[in-house]
Amino acid sequence: MGQRFYNPETLEKVEGLRLARKCNGYPSVTTATGYRKGPGLIRYLVRQTLESSLTLPHQEGESLSDYSKRISEDSKEHASKAADFGTVIHNDLNNIVLGNSIAPAETEKQQKVRDAICEWYNNEVKEVRFSERSFIHPLKCYAGTLDLLYEDNNDELTLLDAKTQAVGPSKNATFYPEWIMQLSAYADMLPTKVKCKTLVLDSHEEGFGFETKEYSDEELDAAFKSFLGLLENWKYENKYYPKEHFKNS
């Protein structure tokens, strides 16, 4: 996915730096964190490439260069499908928590993830405050779309960021550093202090359901400092410094 920005006047999404410069667009949180290719992402990309190389046979007469290119294209296709499935599940989450009607699941895997969402929702959520809402940070000059803010069964406001991950039989989700950085950045855009959690929904065919992780104030503070460093690095590398804006909605 390319770099994403938000128009601070309208909160409309803007794709690409060229268009962002025309409207003082704020980089999204994931644009800044995507600048850091952490060990988790590198391991994922290497694993996808290795899996493609093991499942794609070398064709007779095919040059090594063409074979390598085919492996690369296949691994990218798998990564793209995983991202598309993540988008589908985010839409399902949004519809479920808002009580909207949804079409039947297209696959058994999608239905299993929907069931996991419902189980988590019924056990955790007392009242939804908002779902899929965009904000800007008028001082730090970044923006993003928050997955869900809700009141839990202990009457505490909780900010949730949902992720899909092919965990499988191991039943041990991996919580990447970029995730808490994103949550800390989202939380700092809100006017009220909130708890922060990541919800991992297993997208593996033999998935276990879901796993959540709540972060401490100390973890969030450290992550936010790291995020701001990435944001400043991103601005420097792109020679783009959007201006402060004080009209939020």
C-alpha atoms as a PDB file:
ATOM      1  CA  MET A   1       0.000   0.000   0.000  1.00  0.00           C
ATOM      2  CA  GLY A   2       1.238   3.498  -0.833  1.00  0.00           C
ATOM      3  CA  GLN A   3       1.552   6.444   1.472  1.00  0.00           C
ATOM      4  CA  ARG A   4      -1.739   7.721   2.848  1.00  0.00           C
ATOM      5  CA  PHE A   5      -2.605  11.191   4.084  1.00  0.00           C
ATOM      6  CA  TYR A   6      -5.610  13.041   5.483  1.00  0.00           C
ATOM      7  CA  ASN A   7      -6.814  16.494   4.542  1.00  0.00           C
ATOM      8  CA  PRO A   8      -6.888  18.276   7.945  1.00  0.00           C
ATOM      9  CA  GLU A   9      -9.827  20.427   6.867  1.00  0.00           C
ATOM     10  CA  THR A  10     -12.141  17.640   5.731  1.00  0.00           C
ATOM     11  CA  LEU A  11     -10.512  14.445   7.108  1.00  0.00           C
ATOM     12  CA  GLU A  12     -10.769  13.006   3.602  1.00  0.00           C
ATOM     13  CA  LYS A  13      -8.104  10.463   2.703  1.00  0.00           C
ATOM     14  CA  VAL A  14      -5.486  11.494   0.167  1.00  0.00           C
ATOM     15  CA  GLU A  15      -3.248   8.987  -1.614  1.00  0.00           C
ATOM     16  CA  GLY A  16       0.303   9.987  -2.378  1.00  0.00           C
ATOM     17  CA  LEU A  17       2.669  12.736  -1.316  1.00  0.00           C
ATOM     18  CA  ARG A  18       2.151  14.843  -4.445  1.00  0.00           C
ATOM     19  CA  LEU A  19      -1.537  15.360  -3.674  1.00  0.00           C
ATOM     20  CA  ALA A  20      -0.848  15.738   0.055  1.00  0.00           C
ATOM     21  CA  ARG A  21       1.402  18.716  -0.564  1.00  0.00           C
ATOM     22  CA  LYS A  22      -1.505  20.530  -2.243  1.00  0.00           C
ATOM     23  CA  CYS A  23      -3.777  20.343   0.813  1.00  0.00           C
ATOM     24  CA  ASN A  24      -1.300  20.293   3.711  1.00  0.00           C
ATOM     25  CA  GLY A  25      -2.190  16.618   4.099  1.00  0.00           C
ATOM     26  CA  TYR A  26      -1.187  14.888   7.316  1.00  0.00           C
ATOM     27  CA  PRO A  27       0.602  11.519   7.004  1.00  0.00           C
ATOM     28  CA  SER A  28      -1.305   8.593   8.433  1.00  0.00           C
ATOM     29  CA  VAL A  29      -0.006   6.790  11.488  1.00  0.00           C
ATOM     30  CA  THR A  30       0.649   3.682   9.400  1.00  0.00           C
ATOM     31  CA  THR A  31       2.556   5.728   6.830  1.00  0.00           C
ATOM     32  CA  ALA A  32       4.948   6.770   9.582  1.00  0.00           C
ATOM     33  CA  THR A  33       5.228   3.315  11.186  1.00  0.00           C
ATOM     34  CA  GLY A  34       5.566   1.711   7.757  1.00  0.00           C
ATOM     35  CA  TYR A  35       8.793   3.652   7.419  1.00  0.00           C
ATOM     36  CA  ARG A  36      10.256   1.183   9.904  1.00  0.00           C
ATOM     37  CA  LYS A  37      10.695  -2.258   8.390  1.00  0.00           C
ATOM     38  CA  GLY A  38      10.988  -4.098  11.676  1.00  0.00           C
ATOM     39  CA  PRO A  39      12.278  -7.651  12.194  1.00  0.00           C
ATOM     40  CA  GLY A  40       8.725  -9.009  12.258  1.00  0.00           C
ATOM     41  CA  LEU A  41       7.919  -7.642   8.827  1.00  0.00           C
ATOM     42  CA  ILE A  42      11.231  -8.824   7.414  1.00  0.00           C
ATOM     43  CA  ARG A  43      10.637 -12.341   8.778  1.00  0.00           C
ATOM     44  CA  TYR A  44       7.158 -12.338   7.250  1.00  0.00           C
ATOM     45  CA  LEU A  45       8.450 -11.275   3.819  1.00  0.00           C
ATOM     46  CA  VAL A  46      11.245 -13.850   3.926  1.00  0.00           C
ATOM     47  CA  ARG A  47       8.784 -16.576   4.954  1.00  0.00           C
ATOM     48  CA  GLN A  48       6.423 -15.674   2.114  1.00  0.00           C
ATOM     49  CA  THR A  49       9.298 -15.828  -0.392  1.00  0.00           C
ATOM     50  CA  LEU A  50      10.507 -19.173   0.958  1.00  0.00           C
ATOM     51  CA  GLU A  51       7.005 -20.652   0.834  1.00  0.00           C
ATOM     52  CA  SER A  52       6.614 -19.513  -2.759  1.00  0.00           C
ATOM     53  CA  SER A  53       9.966 -21.013  -3.713  1.00  0.00           C
ATOM     54  CA  LEU A  54       8.961 -24.344  -2.150  1.00  0.00           C
ATOM     55  CA  THR A  55       5.540 -24.510  -3.782  1.00  0.00           C
ATOM     56  CA  LEU A  56       6.459 -23.239  -7.267  1.00  0.00           C
ATOM     57  CA  PRO A  57       8.364 -25.848  -9.294  1.00  0.00           C
ATOM     58  CA  HIS A  58      11.138 -24.703 -11.570  1.00  0.00           C
ATOM     59  CA  GLN A  59       9.937 -25.006 -15.157  1.00  0.00           C
ATOM     60  CA  GLU A  60      12.018 -26.707 -17.809  1.00  0.00           C
ATOM     61  CA  GLY A  61      14.038 -24.183 -19.779  1.00  0.00           C
ATOM     62  CA  GLU A  62      13.204 -21.356 -17.358  1.00  0.00           C
ATOM     63  CA  SER A  63      16.112 -19.079 -16.545  1.00  0.00           C
ATOM     64  CA  LEU A  64      17.076 -18.518 -12.935  1.00  0.00           C
ATOM     65  CA  SER A  65      16.212 -14.837 -13.342  1.00  0.00           C
ATOM     66  CA  ASP A  66      12.696 -15.619 -14.612  1.00  0.00           C
ATOM     67  CA  TYR A  67      12.196 -18.222 -11.878  1.00  0.00           C
ATOM     68  CA  SER A  68      13.227 -15.713  -9.196  1.00  0.00           C
ATOM     69  CA  LYS A  69      10.862 -13.150 -10.667  1.00  0.00           C
ATOM     70  CA  ARG A  70       7.981 -15.644 -10.607  1.00  0.00           C
ATOM     71  CA  ILE A  71       8.711 -16.500  -6.966  1.00  0.00           C
ATOM     72  CA  SER A  72       8.750 -12.805  -6.066  1.00  0.00           C
ATOM     73  CA  GLU A  73       5.454 -12.150  -7.844  1.00  0.00           C
ATOM     74  CA  ASP A  74       3.812 -15.144  -6.156  1.00  0.00           C
ATOM     75  CA  SER A  75       4.920 -14.061  -2.683  1.00  0.00           C
ATOM     76  CA  LYS A  76       3.595 -10.555  -3.331  1.00  0.00           C
ATOM     77  CA  GLU A  77       0.270 -12.004  -4.439  1.00  0.00           C
ATOM     78  CA  HIS A  78      -0.035 -13.970  -1.195  1.00  0.00           C
ATOM     79  CA  ALA A  79       0.753 -10.861   0.837  1.00  0.00           C
ATOM     80  CA  SER A  80      -1.825  -8.877  -1.144  1.00  0.00           C
ATOM     81  CA  LYS A  81      -4.500 -11.521  -0.511  1.00  0.00           C
ATOM     82  CA  ALA A  82      -3.732 -11.446   3.214  1.00  0.00           C
ATOM     83  CA  ALA A  83      -4.108  -7.649   3.213  1.00  0.00           C
ATOM     84  CA  ASP A  84      -7.405  -7.904   1.313  1.00  0.00           C
ATOM     85  CA  PHE A  85      -8.726 -10.436   3.826  1.00  0.00           C
ATOM     86  CA  GLY A  86      -7.717  -8.097   6.640  1.00  0.00           C
ATOM     87  CA  THR A  87      -9.797  -5.338   5.042  1.00  0.00           C
ATOM     88  CA  VAL A  88     -12.797  -7.675   4.776  1.00  0.00           C
ATOM     89  CA  ILE A  89     -12.500  -8.603   8.449  1.00  0.00           C
ATOM     90  CA  HIS A  90     -12.199  -4.958   9.507  1.00  0.00           C
ATOM     91  CA  ASN A  91     -15.449  -4.282   7.658  1.00  0.00           C
ATOM     92  CA  ASP A  92     -17.050  -7.259   9.415  1.00  0.00           C
ATOM     93  CA  LEU A  93     -15.865  -5.984  12.794  1.00  0.00           C
ATOM     94  CA  ASN A  94     -17.285  -2.547  12.096  1.00  0.00           C
ATOM     95  CA  ASN A  95     -20.657  -3.941  11.039  1.00  0.00           C
ATOM     96  CA  ILE A  96     -20.885  -6.371  13.959  1.00  0.00           C
ATOM     97  CA  VAL A  97     -20.149  -3.809  16.679  1.00  0.00           C
ATOM     98  CA  LEU A  98     -22.586  -1.322  15.119  1.00  0.00           C
ATOM     99  CA  GLY A  99     -25.307  -3.944  14.780  1.00  0.00           C
ATOM    100  CA  ASN A 100     -25.498  -3.643  11.006  1.00  0.00           C
ATOM    101  CA  SER A 101     -26.798  -6.451   8.837  1.00  0.00           C
ATOM    102  CA  ILE A 102     -24.087  -8.264   6.878  1.00  0.00           C
ATOM    103  CA  ALA A 103     -24.134 -10.630   3.943  1.00  0.00           C
ATOM    104  CA  PRO A 104     -23.349 -14.314   4.510  1.00  0.00           C
ATOM    105  CA  ALA A 105     -19.661 -15.109   4.822  1.00  0.00           C
ATOM    106  CA  GLU A 106     -18.025 -16.024   1.530  1.00  0.00           C
ATOM    107  CA  THR A 107     -15.711 -18.632   3.048  1.00  0.00           C
ATOM    108  CA  GLU A 108     -15.565 -20.890   6.088  1.00  0.00           C
ATOM    109  CA  LYS A 109     -12.482 -19.009   7.226  1.00  0.00           C
ATOM    110  CA  GLN A 110     -14.329 -15.694   7.160  1.00  0.00           C
ATOM    111  CA  GLN A 111     -17.185 -17.193   9.170  1.00  0.00           C
ATOM    112  CA  LYS A 112     -14.757 -18.532  11.795  1.00  0.00           C
ATOM    113  CA  VAL A 113     -13.246 -15.085  12.206  1.00  0.00           C
ATOM    114  CA  ARG A 114     -16.726 -13.541  12.441  1.00  0.00           C
ATOM    115  CA  ASP A 115     -17.567 -16.034  15.194  1.00  0.00           C
ATOM    116  CA  ALA A 116     -14.404 -14.987  17.037  1.00  0.00           C
ATOM    117  CA  ILE A 117     -15.383 -11.314  16.733  1.00  0.00           C
ATOM    118  CA  CYS A 118     -18.831 -12.052  18.163  1.00  0.00           C
ATOM    119  CA  GLU A 119     -17.376 -14.041  21.056  1.00  0.00           C
ATOM    120  CA  TRP A 120     -14.938 -11.257  21.905  1.00  0.00           C
ATOM    121  CA  TYR A 121     -17.623  -8.568  21.552  1.00  0.00           C
ATOM    122  CA  ASN A 122     -20.142 -10.347  23.780  1.00  0.00           C
ATOM    123  CA  ASN A 123     -17.569 -10.876  26.529  1.00  0.00           C
ATOM    124  CA  GLU A 124     -15.867  -7.491  26.405  1.00  0.00           C
ATOM    125  CA  VAL A 125     -17.998  -4.625  25.114  1.00  0.00           C
ATOM    126  CA  LYS A 126     -20.636  -2.829  27.160  1.00  0.00           C
ATOM    127  CA  GLU A 127     -21.181   0.196  24.907  1.00  0.00           C
ATOM    128  CA  VAL A 128     -19.646   1.293  21.605  1.00  0.00           C
ATOM    129  CA  ARG A 129     -18.618   4.954  21.505  1.00  0.00           C
ATOM    130  CA  PHE A 130     -17.482   4.945  17.888  1.00  0.00           C
ATOM    131  CA  SER A 131     -16.121   2.674  15.178  1.00  0.00           C
ATOM    132  CA  GLU A 132     -13.873   3.535  12.217  1.00  0.00           C
ATOM    133  CA  ARG A 133     -13.550   7.256  12.909  1.00  0.00           C
ATOM    134  CA  SER A 134     -10.791   9.496  11.548  1.00  0.00           C
ATOM    135  CA  PHE A 135      -8.884  12.068  13.611  1.00  0.00           C
ATOM    136  CA  ILE A 136      -5.966  14.425  13.185  1.00  0.00           C
ATOM    137  CA  HIS A 137      -3.336  15.542  15.680  1.00  0.00           C
ATOM    138  CA  PRO A 138      -3.287  19.319  15.136  1.00  0.00           C
ATOM    139  CA  LEU A 139       0.063  19.812  16.899  1.00  0.00           C
ATOM    140  CA  LYS A 140       2.057  16.752  15.855  1.00  0.00           C
ATOM    141  CA  CYS A 141       0.599  16.889  12.332  1.00  0.00           C
ATOM    142  CA  TYR A 142      -0.387  13.287  11.718  1.00  0.00           C
ATOM    143  CA  ALA A 143      -3.731  11.538  11.320  1.00  0.00           C
ATOM    144  CA  GLY A 144      -5.412   8.149  11.275  1.00  0.00           C
ATOM    145  CA  THR A 145      -8.571   6.094  11.442  1.00  0.00           C
ATOM    146  CA  LEU A 146      -9.265   4.481  14.805  1.00  0.00           C
ATOM    147  CA  ASP A 147     -10.875   1.036  14.750  1.00  0.00           C
ATOM    148  CA  LEU A 148     -13.011   1.147  17.870  1.00  0.00           C
ATOM    149  CA  LEU A 149     -13.571   3.046  21.102  1.00  0.00           C
ATOM    150  CA  TYR A 150     -15.839   1.321  23.588  1.00  0.00           C
ATOM    151  CA  GLU A 151     -16.801   1.129  27.229  1.00  0.00           C
ATOM    152  CA  ASP A 152     -15.891  -2.269  28.632  1.00  0.00           C
ATOM    153  CA  ASN A 153     -17.690  -4.272  31.292  1.00  0.00           C
ATOM    154  CA  ASN A 154     -15.661  -2.488  33.971  1.00  0.00           C
ATOM    155  CA  ASP A 155     -16.957   0.885  32.693  1.00  0.00           C
ATOM    156  CA  GLU A 156     -13.510   1.831  31.356  1.00  0.00           C
ATOM    157  CA  LEU A 157     -12.985   3.489  27.989  1.00  0.00           C
ATOM    158  CA  THR A 158     -10.882   1.274  25.751  1.00  0.00           C
ATOM    159  CA  LEU A 159      -9.290   1.981  22.390  1.00  0.00           C
ATOM    160  CA  LEU A 160      -8.975  -1.126  20.259  1.00  0.00           C
ATOM    161  CA  ASP A 161      -6.856  -1.806  17.208  1.00  0.00           C
ATOM    162  CA  ALA A 162      -7.769  -5.032  15.416  1.00  0.00           C
ATOM    163  CA  LYS A 163      -5.330  -7.154  13.411  1.00  0.00           C
ATOM    164  CA  THR A 164      -5.587 -10.376  11.445  1.00  0.00           C
ATOM    165  CA  GLN A 165      -2.752 -12.851  11.712  1.00  0.00           C
ATOM    166  CA  ALA A 166      -2.344 -16.427  10.480  1.00  0.00           C
ATOM    167  CA  VAL A 167      -1.425 -17.885  13.849  1.00  0.00           C
ATOM    168  CA  GLY A 168      -2.603 -21.460  13.385  1.00  0.00           C
ATOM    169  CA  PRO A 169      -2.030 -24.445  15.663  1.00  0.00           C
ATOM    170  CA  SER A 170       0.731 -22.719  17.677  1.00  0.00           C
ATOM    171  CA  LYS A 171      -1.924 -20.531  19.317  1.00  0.00           C
ATOM    172  CA  ASN A 172       0.666 -17.848  20.064  1.00  0.00           C
ATOM    173  CA  ALA A 173      -0.057 -14.533  18.394  1.00  0.00           C
ATOM    174  CA  THR A 174       2.870 -12.211  17.701  1.00  0.00           C
ATOM    175  CA  PHE A 175       2.369  -8.618  18.848  1.00  0.00           C
ATOM    176  CA  TYR A 176       4.703  -6.410  16.833  1.00  0.00           C
ATOM    177  CA  PRO A 177       6.283  -3.179  18.145  1.00  0.00           C
ATOM    178  CA  GLU A 178       4.657  -1.221  15.311  1.00  0.00           C
ATOM    179  CA  TRP A 179       1.231  -2.116  16.713  1.00  0.00           C
ATOM    180  CA  ILE A 180       1.711  -0.467  20.077  1.00  0.00           C
ATOM    181  CA  MET A 181       3.308   2.521  18.349  1.00  0.00           C
ATOM    182  CA  GLN A 182       0.153   2.891  16.256  1.00  0.00           C
ATOM    183  CA  LEU A 183      -2.115   2.587  19.292  1.00  0.00           C
ATOM    184  CA  SER A 184      -0.107   5.113  21.291  1.00  0.00           C
ATOM    185  CA  ALA A 185      -0.355   7.573  18.394  1.00  0.00           C
ATOM    186  CA  TYR A 186      -4.100   7.019  18.055  1.00  0.00           C
ATOM    187  CA  ALA A 187      -4.633   7.434  21.795  1.00  0.00           C
ATOM    188  CA  ASP A 188      -2.809  10.770  21.823  1.00  0.00           C
ATOM    189  CA  MET A 189      -5.353  12.151  19.334  1.00  0.00           C
ATOM    190  CA  LEU A 190      -8.204  11.591  21.787  1.00  0.00           C
ATOM    191  CA  PRO A 191      -9.237  14.202  24.369  1.00  0.00           C
ATOM    192  CA  THR A 192      -9.692  11.573  27.092  1.00  0.00           C
ATOM    193  CA  LYS A 193      -7.257   9.059  28.574  1.00  0.00           C
ATOM    194  CA  VAL A 194      -8.151   5.520  27.507  1.00  0.00           C
ATOM    195  CA  LYS A 195      -6.944   1.961  27.912  1.00  0.00           C
ATOM    196  CA  CYS A 196      -5.326   0.523  24.795  1.00  0.00           C
ATOM    197  CA  LYS A 197      -5.662  -3.006  23.472  1.00  0.00           C
ATOM    198  CA  THR A 198      -4.747  -4.966  20.374  1.00  0.00           C
ATOM    199  CA  LEU A 199      -7.153  -7.667  19.211  1.00  0.00           C
ATOM    200  CA  VAL A 200      -5.593 -10.403  17.062  1.00  0.00           C
ATOM    201  CA  LEU A 201      -8.065 -12.407  14.984  1.00  0.00           C
ATOM    202  CA  ASP A 202      -6.562 -15.656  13.706  1.00  0.00           C
ATOM    203  CA  SER A 203      -6.968 -15.976   9.939  1.00  0.00           C
ATOM    204  CA  HIS A 204      -5.429 -19.454   9.729  1.00  0.00           C
ATOM    205  CA  GLU A 205      -7.709 -22.308   8.615  1.00  0.00           C
ATOM    206  CA  GLU A 206      -6.895 -24.073  11.888  1.00  0.00           C
ATOM    207  CA  GLY A 207      -7.156 -20.862  13.848  1.00  0.00           C
ATOM    208  CA  PHE A 208      -7.808 -20.640  17.571  1.00  0.00           C
ATOM    209  CA  GLY A 209     -10.110 -17.596  17.515  1.00  0.00           C
ATOM    210  CA  PHE A 210      -8.687 -14.434  19.048  1.00  0.00           C
ATOM    211  CA  GLU A 211      -6.191 -13.031  21.526  1.00  0.00           C
ATOM    212  CA  THR A 212      -6.010  -9.593  23.121  1.00  0.00           C
ATOM    213  CA  LYS A 213      -3.204  -7.659  24.734  1.00  0.00           C
ATOM    214  CA  GLU A 214      -3.544  -4.588  26.941  1.00  0.00           C
ATOM    215  CA  TYR A 215      -0.622  -2.191  27.256  1.00  0.00           C
ATOM    216  CA  SER A 216       0.608  -0.379  30.340  1.00  0.00           C
ATOM    217  CA  ASP A 217       1.027   3.398  30.534  1.00  0.00           C
ATOM    218  CA  GLU A 218       4.795   2.933  30.596  1.00  0.00           C
ATOM    219  CA  GLU A 219       4.715   0.814  27.435  1.00  0.00           C
ATOM    220  CA  LEU A 220       2.507   3.334  25.661  1.00  0.00           C
ATOM    221  CA  ASP A 221       4.684   6.299  26.666  1.00  0.00           C
ATOM    222  CA  ALA A 222       7.807   4.587  25.344  1.00  0.00           C
ATOM    223  CA  ALA A 223       6.034   3.551  22.154  1.00  0.00           C
ATOM    224  CA  PHE A 224       4.752   7.076  21.521  1.00  0.00           C
ATOM    225  CA  LYS A 225       8.260   8.503  21.808  1.00  0.00           C
ATOM    226  CA  SER A 226       9.413   5.923  19.262  1.00  0.00           C
ATOM    227  CA  PHE A 227       6.511   6.778  16.977  1.00  0.00           C
ATOM    228  CA  LEU A 228       7.350  10.494  17.087  1.00  0.00           C
ATOM    229  CA  GLY A 229      10.922   9.634  16.138  1.00  0.00           C
ATOM    230  CA  LEU A 230       9.688   7.654  13.133  1.00  0.00           C
ATOM    231  CA  LEU A 231       7.378  10.506  12.174  1.00  0.00           C
ATOM    232  CA  GLU A 232      10.193  13.038  12.257  1.00  0.00           C
ATOM    233  CA  ASN A 233      12.406  10.677  10.263  1.00  0.00           C
ATOM    234  CA  TRP A 234       9.677  10.271   7.694  1.00  0.00           C
ATOM    235  CA  LYS A 235       9.234  14.046   7.385  1.00  0.00           C
ATOM    236  CA  TYR A 236      12.973  14.552   6.991  1.00  0.00           C
ATOM    237  CA  GLU A 237      13.378  11.824   4.352  1.00  0.00           C
ATOM    238  CA  ASN A 238      10.412  13.142   2.353  1.00  0.00           C
ATOM    239  CA  LYS A 239      11.271  16.816   2.901  1.00  0.00           C
ATOM    240  CA  TYR A 240       7.673  17.426   3.873  1.00  0.00           C
ATOM    241  CA  TYR A 241       6.604  19.311   6.996  1.00  0.00           C
ATOM    242  CA  PRO A 242       2.823  19.858   7.154  1.00  0.00           C
ATOM    243  CA  LYS A 243       1.592  22.830   9.132  1.00  0.00           C
ATOM    244  CA  GLU A 244      -0.339  22.774  12.394  1.00  0.00           C
ATOM    245  CA  HIS A 245      -4.096  22.844  12.110  1.00  0.00           C
ATOM    246  CA  PHE A 246      -6.575  23.547  14.904  1.00  0.00           C
ATOM    247  CA  LYS A 247      -9.965  22.708  13.409  1.00  0.00           C
ATOM    248  CA  ASN A 248     -10.712  19.079  14.277  1.00  0.00           C
ATOM    249  CA  SER A 249     -14.049  17.296  14.098  1.00  0.00           C
END
